[in-house]
Amino acid sequence: MGYEVFKIVSKKHDGSLHRAWHENILLHDDGEVLIGGNSNTVVTEHDGKEWETKRPAIFYFDKNKWFNVVVLFSENDHFYYCNVSSPFTWENGELHYIDYDLDLIVSQDFSYVVKDEDEFEQNRKKYDYSNELQQDVINAKNELIDMIHLRQTPFNRTFIEDWKPKFFQLINRRP
């Protein structure tokens, strides 16, 4: 095959399944930053329902950061979907993280919208997030906003130009 395939599992604070992406291609892992992608992969929701992704996507995880970033591509453009989450871990060959509700959607022109603040408020109470955890989540949101403004990786043209061709070459060769 020539590349490593793995599963991504997103959980909620209590350890229950939030969502899982079944087939993801590893593009880069230096022990700190992990970059990969998926296209037409099956996703399982917390209630067991399954669906298939429609857009090719490249994702960016940093094991020291409280977020992950997914770049979703269409014919002529892309946008970023940022999940505020725990730093990722590996469990039995699967990438795991805890979803902490807040999301940022970033357009190609780097304008952005913060989403699901109401969900964060609900789950903060439901799961009794500690003050420290709440601060980690807010800090991650603010760090993402700073990275967007400063065009830091992955929010820049270089990231797209480096990883999009490599990923698309792999998925176009897939059986």
C-alpha atoms as a PDB file:
ATOM      1  CA  MET A   1       0.000   0.000   0.000  1.00  0.00           C
ATOM      2  CA  GLY A   2       2.836   2.428   0.784  1.00  0.00           C
ATOM      3  CA  TYR A   3       1.157   4.420   3.532  1.00  0.00           C
ATOM      4  CA  GLU A   4      -0.172   3.893   7.036  1.00  0.00           C
ATOM      5  CA  VAL A   5      -3.924   3.934   7.646  1.00  0.00           C
ATOM      6  CA  PHE A   6      -5.395   4.523  11.098  1.00  0.00           C
ATOM      7  CA  LYS A   7      -8.631   5.401  12.881  1.00  0.00           C
ATOM      8  CA  ILE A   8      -9.380   8.714  14.638  1.00  0.00           C
ATOM      9  CA  VAL A   9     -11.655   8.527  17.692  1.00  0.00           C
ATOM     10  CA  SER A  10     -13.195  11.648  19.216  1.00  0.00           C
ATOM     11  CA  LYS A  11     -14.681  11.203  22.680  1.00  0.00           C
ATOM     12  CA  LYS A  12     -16.601  13.381  25.087  1.00  0.00           C
ATOM     13  CA  HIS A  13     -15.274  14.275  28.543  1.00  0.00           C
ATOM     14  CA  ASP A  14     -16.836  11.159  30.140  1.00  0.00           C
ATOM     15  CA  GLY A  15     -15.053   8.867  27.651  1.00  0.00           C
ATOM     16  CA  SER A  16     -18.131   8.147  25.537  1.00  0.00           C
ATOM     17  CA  LEU A  17     -17.827   8.118  21.756  1.00  0.00           C
ATOM     18  CA  HIS A  18     -18.431  11.429  20.031  1.00  0.00           C
ATOM     19  CA  ARG A  19     -17.401  10.479  16.485  1.00  0.00           C
ATOM     20  CA  ALA A  20     -14.912   8.178  14.708  1.00  0.00           C
ATOM     21  CA  TRP A  21     -13.302   8.468  11.258  1.00  0.00           C
ATOM     22  CA  HIS A  22     -12.346   4.976  10.124  1.00  0.00           C
ATOM     23  CA  GLU A  23      -9.689   5.351   7.408  1.00  0.00           C
ATOM     24  CA  ASN A  24      -7.115   8.119   7.673  1.00  0.00           C
ATOM     25  CA  ILE A  25      -3.795   8.298   5.876  1.00  0.00           C
ATOM     26  CA  LEU A  26      -0.672   9.297   7.787  1.00  0.00           C
ATOM     27  CA  LEU A  27       1.384  11.896   5.901  1.00  0.00           C
ATOM     28  CA  HIS A  28       3.777  13.064   8.629  1.00  0.00           C
ATOM     29  CA  ASP A  29       4.531  12.217  12.256  1.00  0.00           C
ATOM     30  CA  ASP A  30       7.636  13.647  13.911  1.00  0.00           C
ATOM     31  CA  GLY A  31       6.571  12.664  17.418  1.00  0.00           C
ATOM     32  CA  GLU A  32       5.053  16.070  18.080  1.00  0.00           C
ATOM     33  CA  VAL A  33       3.090  17.131  14.995  1.00  0.00           C
ATOM     34  CA  LEU A  34       0.946  14.678  13.081  1.00  0.00           C
ATOM     35  CA  ILE A  35      -0.452  15.472   9.637  1.00  0.00           C
ATOM     36  CA  GLY A  36      -2.750  13.187   7.717  1.00  0.00           C
ATOM     37  CA  GLY A  37      -5.788  13.121   5.533  1.00  0.00           C
ATOM     38  CA  ASN A  38      -8.941  11.324   4.563  1.00  0.00           C
ATOM     39  CA  SER A  39     -11.354  11.230   1.673  1.00  0.00           C
ATOM     40  CA  ASN A  40     -14.613   9.317   1.384  1.00  0.00           C
ATOM     41  CA  THR A  41     -14.052   7.723   4.761  1.00  0.00           C
ATOM     42  CA  VAL A  42     -16.811   6.219   6.886  1.00  0.00           C
ATOM     43  CA  VAL A  43     -17.682   8.216  10.012  1.00  0.00           C
ATOM     44  CA  THR A  44     -19.513   6.673  12.974  1.00  0.00           C
ATOM     45  CA  GLU A  45     -21.540   9.020  15.181  1.00  0.00           C
ATOM     46  CA  HIS A  46     -22.158   8.584  18.919  1.00  0.00           C
ATOM     47  CA  ASP A  47     -25.555   7.010  18.204  1.00  0.00           C
ATOM     48  CA  GLY A  48     -24.094   4.402  15.819  1.00  0.00           C
ATOM     49  CA  LYS A  49     -25.257   6.090  12.620  1.00  0.00           C
ATOM     50  CA  GLU A  50     -22.703   6.074   9.824  1.00  0.00           C
ATOM     51  CA  TRP A  51     -22.062   8.387   6.900  1.00  0.00           C
ATOM     52  CA  GLU A  52     -19.244   8.985   4.430  1.00  0.00           C
ATOM     53  CA  THR A  53     -17.204  12.168   4.119  1.00  0.00           C
ATOM     54  CA  LYS A  54     -17.696  14.042   0.852  1.00  0.00           C
ATOM     55  CA  ARG A  55     -14.694  16.384   0.815  1.00  0.00           C
ATOM     56  CA  PRO A  56     -11.026  15.451   0.885  1.00  0.00           C
ATOM     57  CA  ALA A  57      -9.487  16.726   4.120  1.00  0.00           C
ATOM     58  CA  ILE A  58      -6.026  17.206   5.607  1.00  0.00           C
ATOM     59  CA  PHE A  59      -5.743  17.355   9.375  1.00  0.00           C
ATOM     60  CA  TYR A  60      -3.155  18.826  11.718  1.00  0.00           C
ATOM     61  CA  PHE A  61      -2.614  17.600  15.289  1.00  0.00           C
ATOM     62  CA  ASP A  62       0.047  18.767  17.739  1.00  0.00           C
ATOM     63  CA  LYS A  63       0.476  16.547  20.795  1.00  0.00           C
ATOM     64  CA  ASN A  64       1.055  19.616  22.977  1.00  0.00           C
ATOM     65  CA  LYS A  65      -1.916  21.671  21.760  1.00  0.00           C
ATOM     66  CA  TRP A  66      -5.523  21.741  22.932  1.00  0.00           C
ATOM     67  CA  PHE A  67      -6.945  21.722  19.407  1.00  0.00           C
ATOM     68  CA  ASN A  68      -6.792  20.057  16.026  1.00  0.00           C
ATOM     69  CA  VAL A  69      -7.359  21.601  12.619  1.00  0.00           C
ATOM     70  CA  VAL A  70      -8.957  20.054   9.545  1.00  0.00           C
ATOM     71  CA  VAL A  71      -8.620  21.636   6.092  1.00  0.00           C
ATOM     72  CA  LEU A  72     -11.563  20.637   3.896  1.00  0.00           C
ATOM     73  CA  PHE A  73     -11.190  20.969   0.133  1.00  0.00           C
ATOM     74  CA  SER A  74     -13.677  21.476  -2.670  1.00  0.00           C
ATOM     75  CA  GLU A  75     -13.032  21.986  -6.370  1.00  0.00           C
ATOM     76  CA  ASN A  76     -11.614  25.516  -6.144  1.00  0.00           C
ATOM     77  CA  ASP A  77     -11.345  26.425  -2.489  1.00  0.00           C
ATOM     78  CA  HIS A  78     -10.844  25.215   1.047  1.00  0.00           C
ATOM     79  CA  PHE A  79     -11.801  26.100   4.590  1.00  0.00           C
ATOM     80  CA  TYR A  80     -10.522  25.169   8.028  1.00  0.00           C
ATOM     81  CA  TYR A  81     -12.530  23.439  10.743  1.00  0.00           C
ATOM     82  CA  CYS A  82     -10.850  23.781  14.136  1.00  0.00           C
ATOM     83  CA  ASN A  83     -11.826  21.591  17.071  1.00  0.00           C
ATOM     84  CA  VAL A  84     -10.906  22.678  20.585  1.00  0.00           C
ATOM     85  CA  SER A  85      -9.888  19.360  22.118  1.00  0.00           C
ATOM     86  CA  SER A  86      -7.480  17.628  24.421  1.00  0.00           C
ATOM     87  CA  PRO A  87      -4.023  16.906  23.046  1.00  0.00           C
ATOM     88  CA  PHE A  88      -4.152  13.630  21.125  1.00  0.00           C
ATOM     89  CA  THR A  89      -2.983  10.241  22.365  1.00  0.00           C
ATOM     90  CA  TRP A  90      -2.388   6.904  20.671  1.00  0.00           C
ATOM     91  CA  GLU A  91      -4.414   3.956  21.971  1.00  0.00           C
ATOM     92  CA  ASN A  92      -4.060   0.560  20.279  1.00  0.00           C
ATOM     93  CA  GLY A  93      -2.980   2.142  16.993  1.00  0.00           C
ATOM     94  CA  GLU A  94      -5.834   4.664  17.015  1.00  0.00           C
ATOM     95  CA  LEU A  95      -5.557   8.424  17.473  1.00  0.00           C
ATOM     96  CA  HIS A  96      -7.789   9.568  20.352  1.00  0.00           C
ATOM     97  CA  TYR A  97      -8.784  12.981  21.656  1.00  0.00           C
ATOM     98  CA  ILE A  98     -11.523  14.527  23.784  1.00  0.00           C
ATOM     99  CA  ASP A  99     -13.768  17.033  22.037  1.00  0.00           C
ATOM    100  CA  TYR A 100     -14.336  20.150  24.139  1.00  0.00           C
ATOM    101  CA  ASP A 101     -17.203  21.555  22.123  1.00  0.00           C
ATOM    102  CA  LEU A 102     -15.856  24.876  20.810  1.00  0.00           C
ATOM    103  CA  ASP A 103     -15.151  25.012  17.089  1.00  0.00           C
ATOM    104  CA  LEU A 104     -13.806  27.680  14.782  1.00  0.00           C
ATOM    105  CA  ILE A 105     -14.653  27.747  11.099  1.00  0.00           C
ATOM    106  CA  VAL A 106     -12.053  29.661   9.111  1.00  0.00           C
ATOM    107  CA  SER A 107     -12.652  30.772   5.525  1.00  0.00           C
ATOM    108  CA  GLN A 108     -10.002  30.825   2.829  1.00  0.00           C
ATOM    109  CA  ASP A 109      -9.641  34.585   3.420  1.00  0.00           C
ATOM    110  CA  PHE A 110      -8.921  33.793   7.127  1.00  0.00           C
ATOM    111  CA  SER A 111     -12.120  35.325   8.455  1.00  0.00           C
ATOM    112  CA  TYR A 112     -13.514  33.055  11.164  1.00  0.00           C
ATOM    113  CA  VAL A 113     -16.541  32.271  13.288  1.00  0.00           C
ATOM    114  CA  VAL A 114     -16.527  30.666  16.750  1.00  0.00           C
ATOM    115  CA  LYS A 115     -19.215  27.966  16.963  1.00  0.00           C
ATOM    116  CA  ASP A 116     -20.883  25.900  19.682  1.00  0.00           C
ATOM    117  CA  GLU A 117     -20.298  28.194  22.646  1.00  0.00           C
ATOM    118  CA  ASP A 118     -23.743  27.110  23.870  1.00  0.00           C
ATOM    119  CA  GLU A 119     -22.678  23.444  23.678  1.00  0.00           C
ATOM    120  CA  PHE A 120     -19.562  24.276  25.710  1.00  0.00           C
ATOM    121  CA  GLU A 121     -21.726  25.944  28.382  1.00  0.00           C
ATOM    122  CA  GLN A 122     -24.063  22.931  28.545  1.00  0.00           C
ATOM    123  CA  ASN A 123     -21.259  20.362  28.698  1.00  0.00           C
ATOM    124  CA  ARG A 124     -19.248  22.449  31.163  1.00  0.00           C
ATOM    125  CA  LYS A 125     -22.090  21.902  33.615  1.00  0.00           C
ATOM    126  CA  LYS A 126     -23.043  18.377  32.506  1.00  0.00           C
ATOM    127  CA  TYR A 127     -19.492  17.008  32.829  1.00  0.00           C
ATOM    128  CA  ASP A 128     -18.421  19.373  35.628  1.00  0.00           C
ATOM    129  CA  TYR A 129     -15.377  20.718  33.784  1.00  0.00           C
ATOM    130  CA  SER A 130     -12.761  21.892  36.281  1.00  0.00           C
ATOM    131  CA  ASN A 131     -11.726  25.557  36.334  1.00  0.00           C
ATOM    132  CA  GLU A 132      -8.328  24.510  34.953  1.00  0.00           C
ATOM    133  CA  LEU A 133      -9.950  22.612  32.079  1.00  0.00           C
ATOM    134  CA  GLN A 134     -12.227  25.542  31.264  1.00  0.00           C
ATOM    135  CA  GLN A 135      -9.173  27.805  31.145  1.00  0.00           C
ATOM    136  CA  ASP A 136      -7.353  25.328  28.859  1.00  0.00           C
ATOM    137  CA  VAL A 137     -10.322  25.423  26.467  1.00  0.00           C
ATOM    138  CA  ILE A 138     -10.486  29.239  26.445  1.00  0.00           C
ATOM    139  CA  ASN A 139      -6.706  29.458  26.012  1.00  0.00           C
ATOM    140  CA  ALA A 140      -6.879  27.053  23.050  1.00  0.00           C
ATOM    141  CA  LYS A 141      -9.598  29.137  21.386  1.00  0.00           C
ATOM    142  CA  ASN A 142      -7.509  32.280  21.861  1.00  0.00           C
ATOM    143  CA  GLU A 143      -4.358  30.556  20.603  1.00  0.00           C
ATOM    144  CA  LEU A 144      -6.188  29.478  17.446  1.00  0.00           C
ATOM    145  CA  ILE A 145      -7.384  33.044  16.864  1.00  0.00           C
ATOM    146  CA  ASP A 146      -3.820  34.334  17.295  1.00  0.00           C
ATOM    147  CA  MET A 147      -2.491  31.689  14.896  1.00  0.00           C
ATOM    148  CA  ILE A 148      -5.105  32.677  12.305  1.00  0.00           C
ATOM    149  CA  HIS A 149      -4.180  36.373  12.576  1.00  0.00           C
ATOM    150  CA  LEU A 150      -0.447  35.583  12.375  1.00  0.00           C
ATOM    151  CA  ARG A 151      -0.942  33.021   9.556  1.00  0.00           C
ATOM    152  CA  GLN A 152       0.938  30.411  11.544  1.00  0.00           C
ATOM    153  CA  THR A 153       0.888  26.779  10.423  1.00  0.00           C
ATOM    154  CA  PRO A 154      -1.514  25.399   9.347  1.00  0.00           C
ATOM    155  CA  PHE A 155      -3.199  28.739   8.561  1.00  0.00           C
ATOM    156  CA  ASN A 156      -1.023  29.694   5.619  1.00  0.00           C
ATOM    157  CA  ARG A 157      -0.445  29.025   1.949  1.00  0.00           C
ATOM    158  CA  THR A 158       2.779  27.090   2.611  1.00  0.00           C
ATOM    159  CA  PHE A 159       0.929  24.404   4.586  1.00  0.00           C
ATOM    160  CA  ILE A 160      -1.588  23.945   1.761  1.00  0.00           C
ATOM    161  CA  GLU A 161       1.102  23.985  -0.950  1.00  0.00           C
ATOM    162  CA  ASP A 162       3.231  21.447   0.944  1.00  0.00           C
ATOM    163  CA  TRP A 163       0.576  18.918   1.952  1.00  0.00           C
ATOM    164  CA  LYS A 164      -2.275  19.106  -0.563  1.00  0.00           C
ATOM    165  CA  PRO A 165      -0.287  17.713  -3.541  1.00  0.00           C
ATOM    166  CA  LYS A 166       1.231  14.907  -1.442  1.00  0.00           C
ATOM    167  CA  PHE A 167      -2.160  13.887  -0.106  1.00  0.00           C
ATOM    168  CA  PHE A 168      -3.981  14.137  -3.431  1.00  0.00           C
ATOM    169  CA  GLN A 169      -1.276  12.058  -5.106  1.00  0.00           C
ATOM    170  CA  LEU A 170      -1.844   9.304  -2.528  1.00  0.00           C
ATOM    171  CA  ILE A 171      -5.640   9.307  -2.706  1.00  0.00           C
ATOM    172  CA  ASN A 172      -5.635   9.334  -6.498  1.00  0.00           C
ATOM    173  CA  ARG A 173      -3.529   6.155  -6.448  1.00  0.00           C
ATOM    174  CA  ARG A 174      -5.742   4.370  -3.916  1.00  0.00           C
ATOM    175  CA  PRO A 175      -7.537   1.270  -5.203  1.00  0.00           C
END
